[in-house]
Amino acid sequence: MNTKPYLSLDDVRRIALAAEAEAQKHQWAVTIAVTDEGGHLLWLQRLDGAPPVSAHIAPAKARTAALGRRESRVYEDIINQGRTSFLSAPTLEAMLEGGVPIMAQGHCIGAVGVSGVKSTEDAQIARAGIAALGI
């Protein structure tokens, strides 16, 4: 039988704490979402001052990254390059930069989605959270 790594609750807390620290270092008001490999929400944290809609966008970015096994920015790039029919892809709701998959031993074990500031900054926060795992 095959085995693969997975996110523990401790892992999720470490990701969230590191992502929050990155956001606070820059005084960015964001929502941070962490999902498992199937895009199921494990953590949602809306920092003070984050726009209410960010609590919908962050989990959607994470879900898109987890299900696609790639950064959500890839889909945004595809659409911006003219393949607008990709907007009809099922299940992928937030094809915007800011969703980053968590890869371990060649497996996608989850994703982090962030929303509330510029998309590049959202992705920066997500990557900082993932970096806390040291993988």
N, C-alpha and C. Protein backbone atom coordinates (compact mmCIF):
# COMPACT_ATOMS: atom_id res chain seq x y z
N MET A 1 0.84 -1.17 0.00
CA MET A 1 0.00 0.00 0.00
C MET A 1 0.89 1.25 0.00
N ASN A 2 0.49 2.25 -0.74
CA ASN A 2 1.21 3.52 -0.79
C ASN A 2 0.94 4.34 0.47
N THR A 3 1.91 5.13 0.84
CA THR A 3 1.73 6.06 1.95
C THR A 3 2.14 7.44 1.48
N LYS A 4 1.63 8.45 2.16
CA LYS A 4 2.00 9.83 1.83
C LYS A 4 1.90 10.69 3.07
N PRO A 5 2.61 11.81 3.07
CA PRO A 5 2.52 12.73 4.20
C PRO A 5 1.16 13.44 4.21
N TYR A 6 0.83 14.00 5.35
CA TYR A 6 -0.41 14.77 5.48
C TYR A 6 -0.19 15.89 6.48
N LEU A 7 -1.07 16.86 6.48
CA LEU A 7 -1.00 17.98 7.42
C LEU A 7 -1.63 17.60 8.75
N SER A 8 -0.88 17.77 9.83
CA SER A 8 -1.45 17.60 11.16
C SER A 8 -1.99 18.95 11.62
N LEU A 9 -2.75 18.93 12.69
CA LEU A 9 -3.26 20.19 13.23
C LEU A 9 -2.10 21.08 13.66
N ASP A 10 -1.03 20.49 14.21
CA ASP A 10 0.14 21.27 14.58
C ASP A 10 0.77 21.94 13.36
N ASP A 11 0.84 21.22 12.24
CA ASP A 11 1.36 21.79 11.00
C ASP A 11 0.53 22.99 10.56
N VAL A 12 -0.77 22.83 10.60
CA VAL A 12 -1.69 23.89 10.18
C VAL A 12 -1.51 25.12 11.06
N ARG A 13 -1.37 24.91 12.36
CA ARG A 13 -1.15 26.04 13.28
C ARG A 13 0.17 26.75 12.98
N ARG A 14 1.24 25.98 12.69
CA ARG A 14 2.53 26.59 12.36
C ARG A 14 2.44 27.42 11.09
N ILE A 15 1.74 26.90 10.09
CA ILE A 15 1.54 27.64 8.84
C ILE A 15 0.81 28.95 9.12
N ALA A 16 -0.29 28.85 9.85
CA ALA A 16 -1.11 30.04 10.14
C ALA A 16 -0.33 31.08 10.94
N LEU A 17 0.43 30.63 11.92
CA LEU A 17 1.20 31.55 12.76
C LEU A 17 2.26 32.27 11.93
N ALA A 18 2.96 31.54 11.07
CA ALA A 18 3.99 32.16 10.24
C ALA A 18 3.39 33.10 9.21
N ALA A 19 2.26 32.71 8.63
CA ALA A 19 1.58 33.59 7.66
C ALA A 19 1.10 34.85 8.34
N GLU A 20 0.53 34.71 9.53
CA GLU A 20 0.07 35.88 10.28
C GLU A 20 1.25 36.80 10.60
N ALA A 21 2.37 36.23 11.01
CA ALA A 21 3.55 37.04 11.33
C ALA A 21 4.03 37.83 10.11
N GLU A 22 4.02 37.18 8.94
CA GLU A 22 4.43 37.87 7.71
C GLU A 22 3.48 39.02 7.40
N ALA A 23 2.20 38.78 7.54
CA ALA A 23 1.21 39.84 7.28
C ALA A 23 1.37 40.99 8.26
N GLN A 24 1.54 40.68 9.53
CA GLN A 24 1.66 41.73 10.54
C GLN A 24 2.96 42.51 10.39
N LYS A 25 4.01 41.83 9.95
CA LYS A 25 5.29 42.51 9.73
C LYS A 25 5.14 43.66 8.75
N HIS A 26 4.24 43.48 7.77
CA HIS A 26 4.01 44.50 6.74
C HIS A 26 2.74 45.32 6.99
N GLN A 27 2.07 45.04 8.09
CA GLN A 27 0.80 45.70 8.43
C GLN A 27 -0.25 45.49 7.34
N TRP A 28 -0.35 44.23 6.88
CA TRP A 28 -1.33 43.86 5.87
C TRP A 28 -2.51 43.17 6.55
N ALA A 29 -3.71 43.68 6.32
CA ALA A 29 -4.93 43.09 6.86
C ALA A 29 -5.47 42.08 5.86
N VAL A 30 -5.34 40.80 6.18
CA VAL A 30 -5.71 39.74 5.25
C VAL A 30 -6.48 38.63 5.95
N THR A 31 -7.03 37.76 5.14
CA THR A 31 -7.58 36.50 5.62
C THR A 31 -6.66 35.39 5.13
N ILE A 32 -6.39 34.44 6.02
CA ILE A 32 -5.51 33.30 5.74
C ILE A 32 -6.34 32.03 5.82
N ALA A 33 -6.26 31.21 4.79
CA ALA A 33 -6.98 29.93 4.77
C ALA A 33 -5.99 28.81 4.48
N VAL A 34 -6.17 27.69 5.17
CA VAL A 34 -5.37 26.49 4.92
C VAL A 34 -6.35 25.35 4.65
N THR A 35 -6.08 24.60 3.58
CA THR A 35 -6.92 23.45 3.24
C THR A 35 -6.08 22.18 3.20
N ASP A 36 -6.76 21.05 3.19
CA ASP A 36 -6.08 19.78 2.95
C ASP A 36 -5.95 19.57 1.45
N GLU A 37 -5.46 18.41 1.03
CA GLU A 37 -5.21 18.17 -0.40
C GLU A 37 -6.48 18.14 -1.24
N GLY A 38 -7.62 17.93 -0.62
CA GLY A 38 -8.89 17.92 -1.33
C GLY A 38 -9.57 19.28 -1.35
N GLY A 39 -8.90 20.28 -0.80
CA GLY A 39 -9.47 21.62 -0.77
C GLY A 39 -10.42 21.87 0.38
N HIS A 40 -10.46 20.95 1.35
CA HIS A 40 -11.35 21.10 2.51
C HIS A 40 -10.70 22.02 3.54
N LEU A 41 -11.45 22.97 4.01
CA LEU A 41 -10.94 24.00 4.90
C LEU A 41 -10.52 23.42 6.25
N LEU A 42 -9.27 23.70 6.64
CA LEU A 42 -8.74 23.30 7.93
C LEU A 42 -8.55 24.49 8.86
N TRP A 43 -8.35 25.68 8.29
CA TRP A 43 -8.08 26.88 9.09
C TRP A 43 -8.56 28.11 8.34
N LEU A 44 -9.20 29.01 9.04
CA LEU A 44 -9.58 30.30 8.47
C LEU A 44 -9.36 31.36 9.54
N GLN A 45 -8.59 32.37 9.19
CA GLN A 45 -8.26 33.43 10.13
C GLN A 45 -8.34 34.77 9.41
N ARG A 46 -9.26 35.61 9.85
CA ARG A 46 -9.40 36.95 9.28
C ARG A 46 -8.80 37.95 10.25
N LEU A 47 -7.70 38.57 9.84
CA LEU A 47 -7.03 39.53 10.70
C LEU A 47 -7.86 40.81 10.80
N ASP A 48 -7.66 41.54 11.88
CA ASP A 48 -8.38 42.80 12.08
C ASP A 48 -8.20 43.71 10.87
N GLY A 49 -9.31 44.24 10.39
CA GLY A 49 -9.27 45.17 9.28
C GLY A 49 -9.35 44.52 7.90
N ALA A 50 -9.28 43.20 7.84
CA ALA A 50 -9.38 42.53 6.53
C ALA A 50 -10.79 42.67 5.98
N PRO A 51 -10.91 42.91 4.67
CA PRO A 51 -12.25 43.06 4.09
C PRO A 51 -13.08 41.79 4.26
N PRO A 52 -14.37 41.92 4.54
CA PRO A 52 -15.21 40.75 4.71
C PRO A 52 -15.16 39.77 3.53
N VAL A 53 -15.08 40.28 2.31
CA VAL A 53 -15.07 39.38 1.14
C VAL A 53 -13.82 38.51 1.12
N SER A 54 -12.75 38.95 1.79
CA SER A 54 -11.52 38.16 1.80
C SER A 54 -11.73 36.81 2.48
N ALA A 55 -12.72 36.71 3.37
CA ALA A 55 -13.03 35.45 4.04
C ALA A 55 -13.67 34.45 3.07
N HIS A 56 -14.12 34.90 1.93
CA HIS A 56 -14.62 34.01 0.89
C HIS A 56 -13.53 33.72 -0.14
N ILE A 57 -12.73 34.73 -0.44
CA ILE A 57 -11.73 34.59 -1.49
C ILE A 57 -10.55 33.72 -1.06
N ALA A 58 -10.05 33.90 0.16
CA ALA A 58 -8.88 33.14 0.62
C ALA A 58 -9.10 31.63 0.57
N PRO A 59 -10.22 31.10 1.10
CA PRO A 59 -10.43 29.65 1.01
C PRO A 59 -10.59 29.17 -0.44
N ALA A 60 -11.18 30.01 -1.28
CA ALA A 60 -11.34 29.62 -2.68
C ALA A 60 -9.99 29.55 -3.39
N LYS A 61 -9.09 30.48 -3.07
CA LYS A 61 -7.73 30.43 -3.64
C LYS A 61 -7.01 29.17 -3.18
N ALA A 62 -7.12 28.85 -1.89
CA ALA A 62 -6.48 27.65 -1.36
C ALA A 62 -7.05 26.39 -2.01
N ARG A 63 -8.36 26.33 -2.14
CA ARG A 63 -9.01 25.16 -2.76
C ARG A 63 -8.56 24.99 -4.20
N THR A 64 -8.47 26.10 -4.93
CA THR A 64 -8.02 26.06 -6.33
C THR A 64 -6.58 25.53 -6.41
N ALA A 65 -5.71 26.00 -5.52
CA ALA A 65 -4.32 25.55 -5.53
C ALA A 65 -4.20 24.08 -5.14
N ALA A 66 -4.99 23.64 -4.17
CA ALA A 66 -4.93 22.25 -3.73
C ALA A 66 -5.44 21.30 -4.81
N LEU A 67 -6.58 21.62 -5.37
CA LEU A 67 -7.17 20.73 -6.39
C LEU A 67 -6.34 20.70 -7.66
N GLY A 68 -5.76 21.84 -8.03
CA GLY A 68 -4.96 21.92 -9.25
C GLY A 68 -3.52 21.51 -9.07
N ARG A 69 -3.10 21.39 -7.80
CA ARG A 69 -1.70 21.02 -7.50
C ARG A 69 -0.70 22.02 -8.05
N ARG A 70 -1.14 23.28 -8.15
CA ARG A 70 -0.27 24.36 -8.64
C ARG A 70 -0.79 25.68 -8.10
N GLU A 71 0.06 26.69 -8.18
CA GLU A 71 -0.36 28.00 -7.68
C GLU A 71 -1.57 28.51 -8.46
N SER A 72 -2.47 29.16 -7.78
CA SER A 72 -3.66 29.69 -8.43
C SER A 72 -3.31 30.74 -9.48
N ARG A 73 -2.15 31.35 -9.34
CA ARG A 73 -1.66 32.34 -10.32
C ARG A 73 -1.56 31.73 -11.73
N VAL A 74 -1.27 30.44 -11.82
CA VAL A 74 -1.15 29.78 -13.12
C VAL A 74 -2.45 29.93 -13.91
N TYR A 75 -3.56 29.77 -13.22
CA TYR A 75 -4.86 29.89 -13.90
C TYR A 75 -5.13 31.34 -14.31
N GLU A 76 -4.76 32.26 -13.45
CA GLU A 76 -4.92 33.68 -13.80
C GLU A 76 -4.11 34.00 -15.06
N ASP A 77 -2.89 33.49 -15.13
CA ASP A 77 -2.04 33.72 -16.30
C ASP A 77 -2.67 33.13 -17.57
N ILE A 78 -3.21 31.92 -17.45
CA ILE A 78 -3.85 31.27 -18.60
C ILE A 78 -4.99 32.15 -19.14
N ILE A 79 -5.80 32.64 -18.23
CA ILE A 79 -6.95 33.47 -18.61
C ILE A 79 -6.48 34.80 -19.20
N ASN A 80 -5.49 35.42 -18.55
CA ASN A 80 -4.98 36.70 -19.04
C ASN A 80 -4.30 36.59 -20.40
N GLN A 81 -3.83 35.41 -20.75
CA GLN A 81 -3.20 35.19 -22.05
C GLN A 81 -4.24 34.90 -23.13
N GLY A 82 -5.52 35.02 -22.77
CA GLY A 82 -6.57 34.93 -23.78
C GLY A 82 -7.43 33.69 -23.75
N ARG A 83 -7.10 32.73 -22.94
CA ARG A 83 -7.90 31.51 -22.90
C ARG A 83 -9.04 31.69 -21.88
N THR A 84 -9.96 32.59 -22.22
CA THR A 84 -11.05 32.93 -21.31
C THR A 84 -12.02 31.78 -21.10
N SER A 85 -12.03 30.81 -21.99
CA SER A 85 -12.91 29.65 -21.80
C SER A 85 -12.54 28.88 -20.53
N PHE A 86 -11.32 29.09 -20.04
CA PHE A 86 -10.90 28.41 -18.81
C PHE A 86 -11.71 28.89 -17.61
N LEU A 87 -12.39 30.02 -17.73
CA LEU A 87 -13.25 30.51 -16.65
C LEU A 87 -14.38 29.52 -16.34
N SER A 88 -14.67 28.63 -17.27
CA SER A 88 -15.75 27.66 -17.07
C SER A 88 -15.25 26.37 -16.42
N ALA A 89 -13.96 26.29 -16.04
CA ALA A 89 -13.43 25.08 -15.41
C ALA A 89 -14.22 24.79 -14.13
N PRO A 90 -14.68 23.55 -13.97
CA PRO A 90 -15.48 23.23 -12.80
C PRO A 90 -14.67 23.26 -11.51
N THR A 91 -15.30 23.67 -10.42
CA THR A 91 -14.77 23.65 -9.07
C THR A 91 -13.73 24.72 -8.78
N LEU A 92 -13.08 25.27 -9.78
CA LEU A 92 -12.06 26.29 -9.55
C LEU A 92 -12.73 27.65 -9.51
N GLU A 93 -12.81 28.23 -8.32
CA GLU A 93 -13.56 29.46 -8.14
C GLU A 93 -12.70 30.71 -8.09
N ALA A 94 -11.48 30.60 -7.60
CA ALA A 94 -10.64 31.78 -7.42
C ALA A 94 -9.35 31.60 -8.19
N MET A 95 -9.42 31.92 -9.45
CA MET A 95 -8.25 31.78 -10.31
C MET A 95 -7.47 33.09 -10.31
N LEU A 96 -7.02 33.44 -9.11
CA LEU A 96 -6.28 34.67 -8.86
C LEU A 96 -5.03 34.31 -8.05
N GLU A 97 -3.97 35.07 -8.22
CA GLU A 97 -2.75 34.81 -7.44
C GLU A 97 -3.03 34.93 -5.96
N GLY A 98 -2.40 34.06 -5.18
CA GLY A 98 -2.58 34.08 -3.73
C GLY A 98 -2.88 32.73 -3.14
N GLY A 99 -3.05 31.71 -3.99
CA GLY A 99 -3.22 30.33 -3.53
C GLY A 99 -1.96 29.55 -3.87
N VAL A 100 -1.36 28.89 -2.86
CA VAL A 100 -0.10 28.18 -3.05
C VAL A 100 -0.24 26.76 -2.50
N PRO A 101 0.05 25.74 -3.33
CA PRO A 101 -0.04 24.37 -2.83
C PRO A 101 1.10 24.06 -1.85
N ILE A 102 0.84 23.14 -0.95
CA ILE A 102 1.85 22.65 -0.02
C ILE A 102 2.31 21.29 -0.53
N MET A 103 3.56 21.22 -0.96
CA MET A 103 4.10 19.99 -1.54
C MET A 103 5.08 19.34 -0.56
N ALA A 104 4.96 18.03 -0.39
CA ALA A 104 5.86 17.28 0.48
C ALA A 104 6.10 15.92 -0.15
N GLN A 105 7.34 15.58 -0.36
CA GLN A 105 7.73 14.28 -0.91
C GLN A 105 7.00 13.98 -2.23
N GLY A 106 6.83 15.02 -3.04
CA GLY A 106 6.18 14.86 -4.33
C GLY A 106 4.66 14.82 -4.29
N HIS A 107 4.08 15.02 -3.13
CA HIS A 107 2.63 14.99 -2.98
C HIS A 107 2.11 16.37 -2.58
N CYS A 108 0.96 16.72 -3.11
CA CYS A 108 0.27 17.92 -2.63
C CYS A 108 -0.48 17.49 -1.37
N ILE A 109 -0.17 18.13 -0.26
CA ILE A 109 -0.82 17.76 1.00
C ILE A 109 -1.78 18.83 1.50
N GLY A 110 -1.92 19.89 0.72
CA GLY A 110 -2.83 20.97 1.08
C GLY A 110 -2.45 22.24 0.36
N ALA A 111 -2.99 23.35 0.83
CA ALA A 111 -2.69 24.64 0.20
C ALA A 111 -3.01 25.76 1.19
N VAL A 112 -2.39 26.90 0.91
CA VAL A 112 -2.67 28.12 1.67
C VAL A 112 -3.20 29.16 0.69
N GLY A 113 -4.27 29.81 1.07
CA GLY A 113 -4.83 30.91 0.28
C GLY A 113 -4.90 32.15 1.14
N VAL A 114 -4.52 33.27 0.56
CA VAL A 114 -4.54 34.54 1.28
C VAL A 114 -5.23 35.59 0.42
N SER A 115 -6.00 36.45 1.06
CA SER A 115 -6.68 37.53 0.34
C SER A 115 -6.75 38.76 1.23
N GLY A 116 -6.59 39.92 0.60
CA GLY A 116 -6.76 41.17 1.33
C GLY A 116 -5.85 42.29 0.88
N VAL A 117 -4.72 41.93 0.25
CA VAL A 117 -3.80 42.94 -0.25
C VAL A 117 -3.53 42.62 -1.72
N LYS A 118 -2.47 43.18 -2.30
CA LYS A 118 -2.13 42.86 -3.69
C LYS A 118 -1.89 41.37 -3.81
N SER A 119 -2.24 40.81 -4.96
CA SER A 119 -2.11 39.36 -5.16
C SER A 119 -0.69 38.86 -4.92
N THR A 120 0.31 39.63 -5.34
CA THR A 120 1.70 39.20 -5.11
C THR A 120 2.00 39.16 -3.61
N GLU A 121 1.42 40.08 -2.87
CA GLU A 121 1.62 40.11 -1.42
C GLU A 121 0.86 38.97 -0.75
N ASP A 122 -0.34 38.67 -1.25
CA ASP A 122 -1.09 37.51 -0.76
C ASP A 122 -0.23 36.25 -0.90
N ALA A 123 0.36 36.06 -2.08
CA ALA A 123 1.19 34.88 -2.33
C ALA A 123 2.42 34.88 -1.43
N GLN A 124 3.00 36.03 -1.19
CA GLN A 124 4.16 36.15 -0.30
C GLN A 124 3.82 35.64 1.10
N ILE A 125 2.66 36.02 1.59
CA ILE A 125 2.20 35.59 2.91
C ILE A 125 1.98 34.08 2.93
N ALA A 126 1.36 33.56 1.88
CA ALA A 126 1.11 32.12 1.79
C ALA A 126 2.42 31.34 1.81
N ARG A 127 3.40 31.80 1.03
CA ARG A 127 4.70 31.12 0.98
C ARG A 127 5.42 31.17 2.32
N ALA A 128 5.30 32.30 3.03
CA ALA A 128 5.91 32.43 4.34
C ALA A 128 5.31 31.41 5.31
N GLY A 129 4.01 31.20 5.22
CA GLY A 129 3.36 30.21 6.06
C GLY A 129 3.87 28.80 5.76
N ILE A 130 3.94 28.47 4.50
CA ILE A 130 4.40 27.13 4.09
C ILE A 130 5.86 26.92 4.49
N ALA A 131 6.67 27.96 4.39
CA ALA A 131 8.09 27.86 4.74
C ALA A 131 8.29 27.42 6.20
N ALA A 132 7.32 27.72 7.05
CA ALA A 132 7.43 27.35 8.46
C ALA A 132 7.48 25.84 8.66
N LEU A 133 7.04 25.08 7.67
CA LEU A 133 7.08 23.62 7.77
C LEU A 133 8.48 23.07 7.50
N GLY A 134 9.31 23.86 6.85
CA GLY A 134 10.66 23.42 6.56
C GLY A 134 10.75 22.28 5.56
N ILE A 135 9.79 22.24 4.64
CA ILE A 135 9.81 21.17 3.62
C ILE A 135 10.17 21.72 2.25
